[in-house]
Amino acid sequence: MSNTTGLVKDATKAIVDALPDGTSWEDIQYHLNVRQKIEAGLEDEAADRLIDTDEMQRRLAEHKEKKPEANS
């Protein structure tokens, strides 16, 4: 077993242990999904794959300018 797999299992156990008794499968899946999304975001940040809000707004405005009119 790789160290990463061990860390994932440990994190999963910690999440499940922190939930109250009677937690539904859906609640468990939700919390695991949130943790997975957070980890993915942290990895993206570490790999410099994020852009700031100003850059996103600039890109969206640029895209809107290029988009052809629907009634043209």
Protein backbone atom coordinates (compact mmCIF):
# COMPACT_ATOMS: atom_id res chain seq x y z
CA MET A 1 0.00 0.00 0.00
CA SER A 2 1.38 3.41 -0.95
CA ASN A 3 1.71 6.20 1.57
CA THR A 4 -0.90 8.22 -0.33
CA THR A 5 -3.44 5.42 -0.04
CA GLY A 6 -2.77 5.22 3.67
CA LEU A 7 -3.32 8.96 4.05
CA VAL A 8 -6.61 8.77 2.14
CA LYS A 9 -7.82 5.89 4.30
CA ASP A 10 -6.81 7.73 7.46
CA ALA A 11 -8.58 10.92 6.33
CA THR A 12 -11.68 8.93 5.41
CA LYS A 13 -11.76 7.25 8.81
CA ALA A 14 -11.36 10.62 10.56
CA ILE A 15 -14.23 12.12 8.57
CA VAL A 16 -16.53 9.19 9.28
CA ASP A 17 -15.57 9.13 12.96
CA ALA A 18 -16.37 12.86 13.28
CA LEU A 19 -19.91 12.40 11.94
CA PRO A 20 -22.75 11.73 14.36
CA ASP A 21 -24.30 8.28 14.79
CA GLY A 22 -27.12 7.69 12.34
CA THR A 23 -25.42 9.61 9.55
CA SER A 24 -26.80 8.62 6.14
CA TRP A 25 -24.74 7.25 3.26
CA GLU A 26 -25.52 10.46 1.39
CA ASP A 27 -24.09 12.57 4.21
CA ILE A 28 -20.92 10.48 4.26
CA GLN A 29 -20.57 10.76 0.48
CA TYR A 30 -21.11 14.52 0.69
CA HIS A 31 -18.39 15.01 3.29
CA LEU A 32 -15.95 12.78 1.41
CA ASN A 33 -16.66 14.67 -1.82
CA VAL A 34 -16.08 18.02 -0.13
CA ARG A 35 -12.76 16.78 1.25
CA GLN A 36 -11.76 15.48 -2.19
CA LYS A 37 -12.60 18.83 -3.82
CA ILE A 38 -10.59 20.71 -1.19
CA GLU A 39 -7.59 18.43 -1.71
CA ALA A 40 -7.84 18.89 -5.50
CA GLY A 41 -7.93 22.67 -5.05
CA LEU A 42 -4.89 22.61 -2.79
CA GLU A 43 -3.02 20.49 -5.36
CA ASP A 44 -3.99 22.96 -8.11
CA GLU A 45 -2.73 25.83 -5.99
CA ALA A 46 0.56 24.06 -5.29
CA ALA A 47 0.99 23.41 -9.03
CA ASP A 48 0.17 27.07 -9.85
CA ARG A 49 -2.94 26.12 -11.85
CA LEU A 50 -5.19 28.80 -10.37
CA ILE A 51 -6.10 32.25 -11.67
CA ASP A 52 -7.45 35.17 -9.68
CA THR A 53 -10.90 36.73 -10.00
CA ASP A 54 -9.69 39.66 -12.09
CA GLU A 55 -8.13 37.32 -14.65
CA MET A 56 -11.29 35.21 -14.80
CA GLN A 57 -13.43 38.31 -15.35
CA ARG A 58 -11.08 39.47 -18.11
CA ARG A 59 -11.30 36.08 -19.83
CA LEU A 60 -15.09 35.99 -19.57
CA ALA A 61 -15.39 39.51 -20.99
CA GLU A 62 -13.05 38.56 -23.84
CA HIS A 63 -15.11 35.44 -24.53
CA LYS A 64 -18.36 37.45 -24.58
CA GLU A 65 -16.87 39.86 -27.12
CA LYS A 66 -15.97 36.95 -29.44
CA LYS A 67 -19.34 35.21 -29.09
CA PRO A 68 -21.53 35.72 -32.18
CA GLU A 69 -24.99 37.23 -31.72
CA ALA A 70 -27.80 34.66 -31.50
CA ASN A 71 -30.01 36.51 -34.02
CA SER A 72 -27.30 37.28 -36.57
